[in-house]
């Protein structure tokens, strides 16, 4: 098993959730690089290396952890774009969202999400969920090269 930790892209418009996620991942040594996009539009700019990401290192993240309810472009629309592009199609995408709506869950899986996790309200539970997700998707899981 390869235990090398890899790049994670967090896409979330909640600064508090992003800070907690980064703190948890770093505390548990679960990512060499953590990149953050504050909404779906910025996530697409990141992936397509445009705008402020023009010239970004040519390395895709090992996993994308993404909220659904965001301004500009929501997580479902970003997921649809990711799965339609051969360059990004195999990147694992985890929907980490406050939405427990069945329609969001079903749509996420139909579009190719690898996991759907409802954000726990409790801070300790949220941090534990991030830790478990990071351990599996950024360390244990073996994506294709």
C-alpha atoms as a PDB file:
ATOM      1  CA  UNK A   1       0.000   0.000   0.000  1.00  0.00           C
ATOM      2  CA  UNK A   2       1.247   3.479  -0.948  1.00  0.00           C
ATOM      3  CA  UNK A   3       1.060   5.779   2.086  1.00  0.00           C
ATOM      4  CA  UNK A   4       2.237   8.921   0.307  1.00  0.00           C
ATOM      5  CA  UNK A   5      -0.101  11.820   1.081  1.00  0.00           C
ATOM      6  CA  UNK A   6      -1.312  13.788  -1.906  1.00  0.00           C
ATOM      7  CA  UNK A   7      -2.925  17.113  -2.883  1.00  0.00           C
ATOM      8  CA  UNK A   8      -6.508  17.830  -1.784  1.00  0.00           C
ATOM      9  CA  UNK A   9      -8.794  20.467  -3.282  1.00  0.00           C
ATOM     10  CA  UNK A  10     -11.451  21.794  -0.902  1.00  0.00           C
ATOM     11  CA  UNK A  11     -14.331  23.648  -2.561  1.00  0.00           C
ATOM     12  CA  UNK A  12     -16.500  25.392   0.032  1.00  0.00           C
ATOM     13  CA  UNK A  13     -17.857  28.888   0.590  1.00  0.00           C
ATOM     14  CA  UNK A  14     -17.835  28.554   4.399  1.00  0.00           C
ATOM     15  CA  UNK A  15     -14.546  29.984   5.747  1.00  0.00           C
ATOM     16  CA  UNK A  16     -15.138  28.270   9.108  1.00  0.00           C
ATOM     17  CA  UNK A  17     -15.622  24.840   7.536  1.00  0.00           C
ATOM     18  CA  UNK A  18     -12.542  25.345   5.351  1.00  0.00           C
ATOM     19  CA  UNK A  19     -10.385  26.360   8.331  1.00  0.00           C
ATOM     20  CA  UNK A  20     -11.584  23.386  10.388  1.00  0.00           C
ATOM     21  CA  UNK A  21     -10.943  20.999   7.496  1.00  0.00           C
ATOM     22  CA  UNK A  22      -7.436  22.348   6.881  1.00  0.00           C
ATOM     23  CA  UNK A  23      -6.603  22.270  10.595  1.00  0.00           C
ATOM     24  CA  UNK A  24      -7.808  18.659  10.864  1.00  0.00           C
ATOM     25  CA  UNK A  25      -5.973  17.470   7.736  1.00  0.00           C
ATOM     26  CA  UNK A  26      -2.697  19.133   8.750  1.00  0.00           C
ATOM     27  CA  UNK A  27      -2.948  17.973  12.374  1.00  0.00           C
ATOM     28  CA  UNK A  28      -3.271  14.395  11.115  1.00  0.00           C
ATOM     29  CA  UNK A  29      -0.616  14.750   8.358  1.00  0.00           C
ATOM     30  CA  UNK A  30      -3.172  13.876   5.679  1.00  0.00           C
ATOM     31  CA  UNK A  31      -2.148  16.192   2.849  1.00  0.00           C
ATOM     32  CA  UNK A  32       1.069  17.569   1.431  1.00  0.00           C
ATOM     33  CA  UNK A  33      -0.850  20.319  -0.343  1.00  0.00           C
ATOM     34  CA  UNK A  34      -4.314  21.674   0.388  1.00  0.00           C
ATOM     35  CA  UNK A  35      -5.789  24.023  -2.169  1.00  0.00           C
ATOM     36  CA  UNK A  36      -9.026  25.911  -1.552  1.00  0.00           C
ATOM     37  CA  UNK A  37     -11.638  27.301  -3.921  1.00  0.00           C
ATOM     38  CA  UNK A  38     -14.324  29.461  -2.339  1.00  0.00           C
ATOM     39  CA  UNK A  39     -17.038  28.608  -4.871  1.00  0.00           C
ATOM     40  CA  UNK A  40     -17.726  26.451  -7.903  1.00  0.00           C
ATOM     41  CA  UNK A  41     -16.551  29.053 -10.389  1.00  0.00           C
ATOM     42  CA  UNK A  42     -13.174  29.263  -8.657  1.00  0.00           C
ATOM     43  CA  UNK A  43     -12.971  25.446  -8.550  1.00  0.00           C
ATOM     44  CA  UNK A  44     -13.397  25.297 -12.325  1.00  0.00           C
ATOM     45  CA  UNK A  45     -10.808  28.066 -12.788  1.00  0.00           C
ATOM     46  CA  UNK A  46      -8.442  25.992 -10.615  1.00  0.00           C
ATOM     47  CA  UNK A  47      -8.993  22.787 -12.589  1.00  0.00           C
ATOM     48  CA  UNK A  48      -8.751  24.476 -15.980  1.00  0.00           C
ATOM     49  CA  UNK A  49      -5.765  26.614 -14.862  1.00  0.00           C
ATOM     50  CA  UNK A  50      -7.346  29.924 -15.815  1.00  0.00           C
ATOM     51  CA  UNK A  51      -7.622  33.325 -14.161  1.00  0.00           C
ATOM     52  CA  UNK A  52      -5.567  33.492 -10.974  1.00  0.00           C
ATOM     53  CA  UNK A  53      -4.669  29.800 -11.453  1.00  0.00           C
ATOM     54  CA  UNK A  54      -3.085  30.336 -14.862  1.00  0.00           C
ATOM     55  CA  UNK A  55       0.363  28.765 -14.618  1.00  0.00           C
ATOM     56  CA  UNK A  56      -0.588  26.559 -11.650  1.00  0.00           C
ATOM     57  CA  UNK A  57       1.475  23.392 -11.300  1.00  0.00           C
ATOM     58  CA  UNK A  58       0.226  20.778 -13.742  1.00  0.00           C
ATOM     59  CA  UNK A  59      -0.877  18.323 -11.045  1.00  0.00           C
ATOM     60  CA  UNK A  60      -4.499  17.459 -10.450  1.00  0.00           C
ATOM     61  CA  UNK A  61      -5.654  16.878  -6.876  1.00  0.00           C
ATOM     62  CA  UNK A  62      -5.857  13.322  -5.561  1.00  0.00           C
ATOM     63  CA  UNK A  63      -9.347  14.128  -4.290  1.00  0.00           C
ATOM     64  CA  UNK A  64     -11.845  16.984  -4.394  1.00  0.00           C
ATOM     65  CA  UNK A  65     -13.956  17.634  -1.283  1.00  0.00           C
ATOM     66  CA  UNK A  66     -16.841  19.853  -2.344  1.00  0.00           C
ATOM     67  CA  UNK A  67     -19.899  21.534  -0.896  1.00  0.00           C
ATOM     68  CA  UNK A  68     -23.098  21.659  -2.955  1.00  0.00           C
ATOM     69  CA  UNK A  69     -24.740  24.928  -1.951  1.00  0.00           C
ATOM     70  CA  UNK A  70     -22.336  27.644  -3.137  1.00  0.00           C
ATOM     71  CA  UNK A  71     -22.650  30.970  -4.954  1.00  0.00           C
ATOM     72  CA  UNK A  72     -21.922  31.464  -8.667  1.00  0.00           C
ATOM     73  CA  UNK A  73     -21.650  27.767  -9.652  1.00  0.00           C
ATOM     74  CA  UNK A  74     -22.970  25.108  -7.285  1.00  0.00           C
ATOM     75  CA  UNK A  75     -21.292  21.794  -6.493  1.00  0.00           C
ATOM     76  CA  UNK A  76     -23.656  19.752  -8.670  1.00  0.00           C
ATOM     77  CA  UNK A  77     -22.751  21.864 -11.716  1.00  0.00           C
ATOM     78  CA  UNK A  78     -19.024  21.541 -10.943  1.00  0.00           C
ATOM     79  CA  UNK A  79     -19.388  17.765 -10.560  1.00  0.00           C
ATOM     80  CA  UNK A  80     -21.187  17.580 -13.917  1.00  0.00           C
ATOM     81  CA  UNK A  81     -18.312  19.480 -15.566  1.00  0.00           C
ATOM     82  CA  UNK A  82     -15.639  17.338 -13.866  1.00  0.00           C
ATOM     83  CA  UNK A  83     -17.265  14.092 -14.998  1.00  0.00           C
ATOM     84  CA  UNK A  84     -17.654  15.337 -18.586  1.00  0.00           C
ATOM     85  CA  UNK A  85     -13.936  16.066 -18.975  1.00  0.00           C
ATOM     86  CA  UNK A  86     -11.576  13.097 -19.570  1.00  0.00           C
ATOM     87  CA  UNK A  87      -8.731  14.944 -17.786  1.00  0.00           C
ATOM     88  CA  UNK A  88     -10.702  15.141 -14.526  1.00  0.00           C
ATOM     89  CA  UNK A  89     -13.136  12.239 -14.857  1.00  0.00           C
ATOM     90  CA  UNK A  90     -11.157   9.877 -12.610  1.00  0.00           C
ATOM     91  CA  UNK A  91     -10.501  12.328  -9.751  1.00  0.00           C
ATOM     92  CA  UNK A  92     -12.486  11.148  -6.716  1.00  0.00           C
ATOM     93  CA  UNK A  93     -15.091  13.725  -5.700  1.00  0.00           C
ATOM     94  CA  UNK A  94     -16.601  13.744  -2.226  1.00  0.00           C
ATOM     95  CA  UNK A  95     -19.676  15.847  -1.714  1.00  0.00           C
ATOM     96  CA  UNK A  96     -19.352  17.193   1.848  1.00  0.00           C
ATOM     97  CA  UNK A  97     -22.436  19.279   2.370  1.00  0.00           C
ATOM     98  CA  UNK A  98     -25.030  20.478   4.828  1.00  0.00           C
ATOM     99  CA  UNK A  99     -27.723  19.284   2.409  1.00  0.00           C
ATOM    100  CA  UNK A 100     -29.425  16.125   3.527  1.00  0.00           C
ATOM    101  CA  UNK A 101     -31.920  16.469   0.664  1.00  0.00           C
ATOM    102  CA  UNK A 102     -32.530  13.185  -1.152  1.00  0.00           C
ATOM    103  CA  UNK A 103     -32.568  14.942  -4.553  1.00  0.00           C
ATOM    104  CA  UNK A 104     -29.032  16.294  -3.963  1.00  0.00           C
ATOM    105  CA  UNK A 105     -27.771  12.884  -2.851  1.00  0.00           C
ATOM    106  CA  UNK A 106     -29.319  11.077  -5.832  1.00  0.00           C
ATOM    107  CA  UNK A 107     -28.147  13.714  -8.332  1.00  0.00           C
ATOM    108  CA  UNK A 108     -24.599  13.622  -6.915  1.00  0.00           C
ATOM    109  CA  UNK A 109     -24.358   9.850  -7.318  1.00  0.00           C
ATOM    110  CA  UNK A 110     -25.968   9.939 -10.777  1.00  0.00           C
ATOM    111  CA  UNK A 111     -23.286  12.404 -11.859  1.00  0.00           C
ATOM    112  CA  UNK A 112     -20.472  10.234 -10.511  1.00  0.00           C
ATOM    113  CA  UNK A 113     -19.733  11.423  -6.978  1.00  0.00           C
ATOM    114  CA  UNK A 114     -17.597   8.901  -5.111  1.00  0.00           C
ATOM    115  CA  UNK A 115     -19.108   9.722  -1.728  1.00  0.00           C
ATOM    116  CA  UNK A 116     -21.784  11.905  -0.160  1.00  0.00           C
ATOM    117  CA  UNK A 117     -21.308  13.051   3.423  1.00  0.00           C
ATOM    118  CA  UNK A 118     -23.650  15.341   5.328  1.00  0.00           C
ATOM    119  CA  UNK A 119     -21.623  17.787   7.425  1.00  0.00           C
ATOM    120  CA  UNK A 120     -22.080  17.057  11.114  1.00  0.00           C
ATOM    121  CA  UNK A 121     -23.239  20.084  13.124  1.00  0.00           C
ATOM    122  CA  UNK A 122     -20.978  19.217  16.055  1.00  0.00           C
ATOM    123  CA  UNK A 123     -17.405  20.515  15.582  1.00  0.00           C
ATOM    124  CA  UNK A 124     -15.751  17.378  16.994  1.00  0.00           C
ATOM    125  CA  UNK A 125     -17.836  15.146  14.693  1.00  0.00           C
ATOM    126  CA  UNK A 126     -17.050  17.399  11.716  1.00  0.00           C
ATOM    127  CA  UNK A 127     -13.319  17.153  12.433  1.00  0.00           C
ATOM    128  CA  UNK A 128     -13.545  13.360  12.793  1.00  0.00           C
ATOM    129  CA  UNK A 129     -15.415  13.103   9.471  1.00  0.00           C
ATOM    130  CA  UNK A 130     -12.682  15.164   7.751  1.00  0.00           C
ATOM    131  CA  UNK A 131      -9.978  12.999   9.336  1.00  0.00           C
ATOM    132  CA  UNK A 132     -11.602   9.762   8.122  1.00  0.00           C
ATOM    133  CA  UNK A 133     -12.218  11.163   4.638  1.00  0.00           C
ATOM    134  CA  UNK A 134      -8.635  12.397   4.410  1.00  0.00           C
ATOM    135  CA  UNK A 135      -7.191   9.081   5.577  1.00  0.00           C
ATOM    136  CA  UNK A 136      -9.121   7.088   3.021  1.00  0.00           C
ATOM    137  CA  UNK A 137      -9.204   9.325  -0.063  1.00  0.00           C
ATOM    138  CA  UNK A 138      -5.838  11.104   0.177  1.00  0.00           C
ATOM    139  CA  UNK A 139      -3.710   8.310   1.657  1.00  0.00           C
ATOM    140  CA  UNK A 140      -5.217   4.814   1.377  1.00  0.00           C
ATOM    141  CA  UNK A 141      -7.195   5.018  -1.875  1.00  0.00           C
ATOM    142  CA  UNK A 142      -5.161   4.238  -5.016  1.00  0.00           C
ATOM    143  CA  UNK A 143      -6.338   6.263  -8.015  1.00  0.00           C
ATOM    144  CA  UNK A 144      -5.160   5.423 -11.530  1.00  0.00           C
ATOM    145  CA  UNK A 145      -2.062   7.275 -12.717  1.00  0.00           C
END
